[in-house]
Amino acid sequence: MEIGKTQLKTVLERIKPHIHRTPVLTSSLINEIAGTNLYFKCENFQKMGAFKMRGATNAILSLPEEKRSKGVVTHSSGNFAQALSLAAKSLKVPAYIVMPESAPEVKKAAVRTYQGIITECPSTLKDREETAKRIQEETGATFVHPSNDIDVILGQGTAAIELLEDHPELDIIVSPVGGGGLIAGSALAVKHFGNNCICIGGEPLEADDAWRSLKSGKIESNESANTIADGLKTQLGNQNFPIILNHVQEIIRVSEDEIKSALRLIWERMKIIVEPSSAVALAAVIKEKNRFQNKNIGIIISGGNVDLSNLPF
């Protein structure tokens, strides 16, 4: 399915009343370190603290009224569980959230705060999928995948559209890569709203399935994913991978030390709370700084939902 500029613009207009237009911040000191001009799109200031609010809102608003009234269901242990719960609450729609028993209590508490109806299950993907399917059958709710759903992908892309509206001079937008929804949406935004702009991904070396997928031309998976960037452990799907394959220029892999160093830089110099996954894009630019000299680069700060009792510094 070919996605056009008008379709993306419609999505932005649709969700606009329900999300924050997040600020774009800069740091002279980080520019100096990176040797380039960086513009940080701060989705850590989004409702529920992450870009996923955009995709969740668009997915619900895209449903016909009859389906919407029966609710939505997803399986997630993190930000998407919170995003779908909050979006559903604000649109007065039931949200059924399947969470692994091992999910941190703080995340379950956040979902409950947003009135998400939690069903716990064993932590395997098979159990999560089977539990979500059972809830679908019992309630008539519509399943919404956290990253492999076209309405979610288009919603996530609106962060990059806003960034390009504010800074049309950008040469490159760099996005973290996890399940693929954010970078696929960002790549579509760059294609239709950028002016000779390209889209690049940043990914942990310890969970580099997207980097390998881009090389092989088919969806690869990780046998293990021992990274501090816990939001990037998920793998690509059949909806977002073709978009990534066609429209993402490349993916840069970064080590755990490089992620921690970039994370610390953002906290110390920009005085904002971001989660490790968010620092991966900056880490990628600093790692390859010679290539990015004197360019105008947009960085998607994906979220700020961090466990303050478990900081890496």
Protein backbone atom coordinates (compact mmCIF):
# COMPACT_ATOMS: atom_id res chain seq x y z
CA MET A 1 0.00 0.00 0.00
CA GLU A 2 1.44 3.34 -1.08
CA ILE A 3 1.17 5.99 1.63
CA GLY A 4 0.97 9.59 0.43
CA LYS A 5 1.63 13.00 1.94
CA THR A 6 -2.11 13.76 2.24
CA GLN A 7 -2.68 10.60 4.28
CA LEU A 8 0.10 11.54 6.71
CA LYS A 9 -1.20 15.10 7.02
CA THR A 10 -4.71 13.75 7.75
CA VAL A 11 -3.29 11.59 10.57
CA LEU A 12 -1.54 14.60 12.12
CA GLU A 13 -4.75 16.66 12.01
CA ARG A 14 -6.76 13.75 13.43
CA ILE A 15 -4.60 13.21 16.50
CA LYS A 16 -3.62 16.85 17.10
CA PRO A 17 -6.38 17.58 19.68
CA HIS A 18 -5.36 14.53 21.73
CA ILE A 19 -1.56 14.83 21.93
CA HIS A 20 1.08 17.41 22.86
CA ARG A 21 3.07 19.13 20.16
CA THR A 22 6.39 18.47 21.86
CA PRO A 23 9.24 21.00 21.95
CA VAL A 24 12.43 20.88 19.89
CA LEU A 25 15.50 21.58 22.07
CA THR A 26 19.11 22.31 21.18
CA SER A 27 22.39 22.25 23.11
CA SER A 28 25.43 24.28 22.03
CA LEU A 29 27.71 22.05 24.07
CA ILE A 30 26.41 18.80 22.55
CA ASN A 31 26.65 20.41 19.09
CA GLU A 32 30.30 21.12 19.86
CA ILE A 33 30.96 17.54 20.98
CA ALA A 34 29.19 16.08 17.92
CA GLY A 35 30.61 18.68 15.51
CA THR A 36 27.19 19.25 14.00
CA ASN A 37 23.82 21.01 14.52
CA LEU A 38 21.40 18.84 16.49
CA TYR A 39 17.66 19.39 16.97
CA PHE A 40 16.10 17.15 19.61
CA LYS A 41 12.39 16.35 19.18
CA CYS A 42 11.49 15.74 22.83
CA GLU A 43 8.82 13.05 22.96
CA ASN A 44 9.76 12.53 26.61
CA PHE A 45 7.38 15.48 27.11
CA GLN A 46 4.56 13.67 25.27
CA LYS A 47 1.47 12.51 27.21
CA MET A 48 2.42 9.34 29.19
CA GLY A 49 6.05 10.22 28.48
CA ALA A 50 6.68 8.65 25.05
CA PHE A 51 6.00 8.93 21.31
CA LYS A 52 3.74 5.86 21.49
CA MET A 53 0.81 8.05 22.51
CA ARG A 54 0.66 9.21 18.88
CA GLY A 55 0.27 5.76 17.32
CA ALA A 56 -2.13 4.52 20.00
CA THR A 57 -4.38 7.56 19.52
CA ASN A 58 -4.42 7.23 15.74
CA ALA A 59 -5.17 3.49 15.91
CA ILE A 60 -8.25 4.09 18.08
CA LEU A 61 -9.48 7.10 16.08
CA SER A 62 -9.13 5.09 12.85
CA LEU A 63 -11.67 2.51 14.05
CA PRO A 64 -15.35 2.86 13.05
CA GLU A 65 -17.59 3.77 15.97
CA GLU A 66 -19.10 0.28 16.23
CA LYS A 67 -15.66 -1.31 16.70
CA ARG A 68 -14.38 1.48 18.91
CA SER A 69 -17.21 1.00 21.42
CA LYS A 70 -16.10 -2.61 22.00
CA GLY A 71 -12.61 -1.49 22.97
CA VAL A 72 -9.03 -2.28 22.05
CA VAL A 73 -6.59 -4.93 23.24
CA THR A 74 -2.80 -5.19 23.09
CA HIS A 75 0.04 -7.11 24.71
CA SER A 76 2.85 -4.99 26.09
CA SER A 77 4.92 -4.72 29.23
CA GLY A 78 6.01 -1.14 28.65
CA ASN A 79 5.22 2.18 27.02
CA PHE A 80 2.58 0.95 24.57
CA ALA A 81 0.53 -0.56 27.40
CA GLN A 82 0.43 2.89 29.00
CA ALA A 83 -0.11 4.70 25.69
CA LEU A 84 -3.10 2.59 24.60
CA SER A 85 -4.62 2.81 28.09
CA LEU A 86 -4.36 6.61 28.23
CA ALA A 87 -5.50 7.12 24.64
CA ALA A 88 -8.49 4.83 25.26
CA LYS A 89 -9.34 6.58 28.51
CA SER A 90 -9.34 10.02 26.87
CA LEU A 91 -11.50 8.70 24.01
CA LYS A 92 -13.81 6.83 26.45
CA VAL A 93 -12.99 3.41 25.02
CA PRO A 94 -12.22 0.23 27.06
CA ALA A 95 -8.55 -0.89 26.87
CA TYR A 96 -7.62 -4.51 27.63
CA ILE A 97 -3.90 -4.86 28.32
CA VAL A 98 -2.14 -8.22 28.41
CA MET A 99 1.02 -7.94 30.52
CA PRO A 100 3.55 -10.61 31.46
CA GLU A 101 3.52 -11.54 35.15
CA SER A 102 7.18 -10.50 35.26
CA ALA A 103 6.44 -6.89 34.20
CA PRO A 104 7.59 -4.34 36.82
CA GLU A 105 4.89 -3.35 39.31
CA VAL A 106 5.52 0.32 38.52
CA LYS A 107 4.44 -0.31 34.89
CA LYS A 108 1.33 -2.20 35.94
CA ALA A 109 0.46 0.64 38.33
CA ALA A 110 0.82 3.19 35.50
CA VAL A 111 -1.54 1.19 33.27
CA ARG A 112 -4.10 0.98 36.08
CA THR A 113 -3.82 4.75 36.60
CA TYR A 114 -4.93 5.16 32.97
CA GLN A 115 -7.80 2.69 33.61
CA GLY A 116 -6.34 -0.07 31.45
CA ILE A 117 -7.85 -3.49 32.30
CA ILE A 118 -4.85 -5.76 32.92
CA THR A 119 -4.75 -9.50 32.31
CA GLU A 120 -1.49 -11.11 33.43
CA CYS A 121 0.04 -14.12 31.69
CA PRO A 122 3.37 -16.00 31.48
CA SER A 123 6.05 -13.92 29.78
CA THR A 124 6.43 -15.87 26.52
CA LEU A 125 5.27 -14.23 23.29
CA LYS A 126 3.05 -17.26 22.61
CA ASP A 127 1.22 -16.79 25.93
CA ARG A 128 0.83 -13.07 25.33
CA GLU A 129 -0.61 -13.60 21.86
CA GLU A 130 -2.96 -16.38 22.95
CA THR A 131 -4.25 -14.34 25.90
CA ALA A 132 -4.87 -11.29 23.68
CA LYS A 133 -6.71 -13.49 21.16
CA ARG A 134 -8.95 -14.93 23.89
CA ILE A 135 -9.84 -11.42 25.12
CA GLN A 136 -10.61 -10.40 21.53
CA GLU A 137 -13.01 -13.32 21.15
CA GLU A 138 -14.68 -12.68 24.52
CA THR A 139 -15.11 -8.91 24.19
CA GLY A 140 -15.10 -8.12 20.48
CA ALA A 141 -12.21 -5.69 21.11
CA THR A 142 -9.85 -4.84 18.24
CA PHE A 143 -6.22 -5.95 18.55
CA VAL A 144 -3.67 -3.14 18.18
CA HIS A 145 -0.03 -4.18 17.76
CA PRO A 146 2.51 -1.86 19.47
CA SER A 147 4.61 -1.38 16.30
CA ASN A 148 3.43 -3.60 13.44
CA ASP A 149 0.14 -1.86 12.64
CA ILE A 150 -0.15 0.66 9.82
CA ASP A 151 -2.31 3.12 11.84
CA VAL A 152 0.20 2.96 14.69
CA ILE A 153 3.11 3.51 12.26
CA LEU A 154 1.45 6.56 10.68
CA GLY A 155 0.72 8.00 14.12
CA GLN A 156 4.34 7.56 15.21
CA GLY A 157 5.49 9.37 12.06
CA THR A 158 3.78 12.59 13.14
CA ALA A 159 6.67 13.41 15.52
CA ALA A 160 9.03 13.66 12.52
CA ILE A 161 6.44 15.67 10.55
CA GLU A 162 6.29 18.25 13.36
CA LEU A 163 10.10 18.31 13.56
CA LEU A 164 10.35 18.97 9.80
CA GLU A 165 7.66 21.66 10.02
CA ASP A 166 9.71 23.42 12.70
CA HIS A 167 13.06 22.80 10.95
CA PRO A 168 12.63 22.27 7.20
CA GLU A 169 16.40 22.65 6.72
CA LEU A 170 17.19 19.24 8.27
CA ASP A 171 19.54 17.00 6.27
CA ILE A 172 19.01 13.85 8.36
CA ILE A 173 16.57 12.54 10.96
CA VAL A 174 17.91 9.84 13.30
CA SER A 175 15.50 7.56 15.13
CA PRO A 176 16.03 4.70 17.60
CA VAL A 177 15.04 1.28 16.20
CA GLY A 178 13.17 -1.32 18.26
CA GLY A 179 9.92 -2.82 16.97
CA GLY A 180 10.17 -0.58 13.91
CA GLY A 181 7.04 1.56 14.25
CA LEU A 182 8.83 4.83 15.03
CA ILE A 183 11.53 4.58 12.39
CA ALA A 184 9.06 3.41 9.71
CA GLY A 185 6.76 6.35 10.46
CA SER A 186 9.73 8.75 10.60
CA ALA A 187 11.02 7.46 7.24
CA LEU A 188 7.62 8.11 5.62
CA ALA A 189 7.55 11.61 7.11
CA VAL A 190 11.06 12.30 5.77
CA LYS A 191 10.08 11.03 2.31
CA HIS A 192 7.04 13.29 2.05
CA PHE A 193 7.95 16.33 4.15
CA GLY A 194 11.75 16.47 3.99
CA ASN A 195 13.78 18.60 1.61
CA ASN A 196 16.58 16.26 0.43
CA CYS A 197 16.47 14.80 3.94
CA ILE A 198 17.26 11.17 4.75
CA CYS A 199 16.28 8.88 7.63
CA ILE A 200 18.84 6.85 9.60
CA GLY A 201 18.38 4.48 12.54
CA GLY A 202 20.35 3.93 15.73
CA GLU A 203 20.34 0.47 17.30
CA PRO A 204 22.12 -1.29 20.17
CA LEU A 205 24.87 -3.67 19.09
CA GLU A 206 23.40 -6.15 21.59
CA ALA A 207 20.02 -6.16 19.79
CA ASP A 208 20.95 -5.50 16.16
CA ASP A 209 18.21 -7.47 14.40
CA ALA A 210 17.13 -4.44 12.32
CA TRP A 211 20.71 -3.81 11.14
CA ARG A 212 20.95 -7.47 10.08
CA SER A 213 17.47 -7.35 8.50
CA LEU A 214 18.47 -4.36 6.37
CA LYS A 215 21.55 -6.28 5.20
CA SER A 216 19.79 -9.58 4.46
CA GLY A 217 16.51 -8.19 3.12
CA LYS A 218 14.44 -10.36 5.47
CA ILE A 219 13.28 -10.01 9.09
CA GLU A 220 15.97 -11.28 11.46
CA SER A 221 15.60 -11.89 15.20
CA ASN A 222 17.85 -11.74 18.27
CA GLU A 223 18.75 -14.84 20.23
CA SER A 224 19.50 -12.57 23.16
CA ALA A 225 19.14 -8.83 23.70
CA ASN A 226 21.26 -7.85 26.68
CA THR A 227 20.95 -4.08 26.34
CA ILE A 228 20.20 -1.23 28.70
CA ALA A 229 17.92 0.15 25.95
CA ASP A 230 15.06 -2.10 27.04
CA GLY A 231 12.54 -0.39 24.76
CA LEU A 232 14.51 -1.59 21.70
CA LYS A 233 14.47 -5.34 22.36
CA THR A 234 11.46 -6.08 20.15
CA GLN A 235 11.79 -7.08 16.51
CA LEU A 236 10.49 -5.74 13.19
CA GLY A 237 7.20 -6.85 11.65
CA ASN A 238 5.76 -7.43 8.19
CA GLN A 239 3.98 -4.05 8.15
CA ASN A 240 6.92 -1.83 9.07
CA PHE A 241 9.83 -3.79 7.55
CA PRO A 242 9.02 -3.05 3.86
CA ILE A 243 8.86 0.68 4.71
CA ILE A 244 12.22 0.48 6.51
CA LEU A 245 13.76 -1.49 3.65
CA ASN A 246 12.64 1.09 1.09
CA HIS A 247 13.08 4.36 2.96
CA VAL A 248 15.70 4.02 5.73
CA GLN A 249 19.18 4.84 4.44
CA GLU A 250 21.09 2.82 7.04
CA ILE A 251 21.23 1.75 10.68
CA ILE A 252 24.20 2.54 12.93
CA ARG A 253 24.95 0.14 15.79
CA VAL A 254 26.21 1.42 19.13
CA SER A 255 27.75 -0.28 22.17
CA GLU A 256 26.34 -0.23 25.70
CA ASP A 257 29.09 2.18 26.81
CA GLU A 258 28.25 4.52 23.92
CA ILE A 259 24.56 4.46 24.89
CA LYS A 260 25.35 5.20 28.56
CA SER A 261 27.71 8.02 27.60
CA ALA A 262 25.07 9.66 25.34
CA LEU A 263 22.41 9.17 28.02
CA ARG A 264 24.58 10.90 30.61
CA LEU A 265 25.31 13.74 28.19
CA ILE A 266 21.60 14.44 27.67
CA TRP A 267 20.82 14.30 31.40
CA GLU A 268 23.78 16.47 32.39
CA ARG A 269 23.81 19.03 29.59
CA MET A 270 20.15 19.31 28.55
CA LYS A 271 18.74 18.81 32.06
CA ILE A 272 16.00 16.50 30.82
CA ILE A 273 15.05 12.95 31.82
CA VAL A 274 15.22 10.50 28.93
CA GLU A 275 15.24 6.71 28.88
CA PRO A 276 18.24 4.74 27.57
CA SER A 277 16.46 3.86 24.30
CA SER A 278 16.25 7.60 23.55
CA ALA A 279 20.00 8.05 23.83
CA VAL A 280 20.75 5.53 21.09
CA ALA A 281 20.12 8.05 18.28
CA LEU A 282 22.56 10.58 19.77
CA ALA A 283 25.09 7.80 20.43
CA ALA A 284 24.93 6.88 16.72
CA VAL A 285 25.65 10.46 15.62
CA ILE A 286 28.58 10.86 18.03
CA LYS A 287 30.01 7.49 16.98
CA GLU A 288 30.03 8.50 13.28
CA LYS A 289 30.66 12.22 13.90
CA ASN A 290 33.08 12.62 10.97
CA ARG A 291 30.29 11.74 8.54
CA PHE A 292 27.83 14.21 10.05
CA GLN A 293 30.10 17.29 10.24
CA ASN A 294 28.19 20.59 9.89
CA LYS A 295 24.91 18.88 8.95
CA ASN A 296 21.52 19.78 10.40
CA ILE A 297 20.35 16.66 12.19
CA GLY A 298 17.04 15.90 13.87
CA ILE A 299 17.14 13.44 16.76
CA ILE A 300 13.93 11.76 17.94
CA ILE A 301 14.03 11.53 21.74
CA SER A 302 11.58 8.66 22.00
CA GLY A 303 10.60 8.82 25.68
CA GLY A 304 11.40 9.53 29.29
CA ASN A 305 9.86 6.64 31.23
CA VAL A 306 12.89 5.64 33.24
CA ASP A 307 13.21 3.60 36.42
CA LEU A 308 14.79 6.17 38.74
CA SER A 309 15.82 3.48 41.22
CA ASN A 310 17.91 1.74 38.55
CA LEU A 311 20.01 4.38 36.78
CA PRO A 312 23.22 3.37 34.96
CA PHE A 313 25.22 6.21 36.51
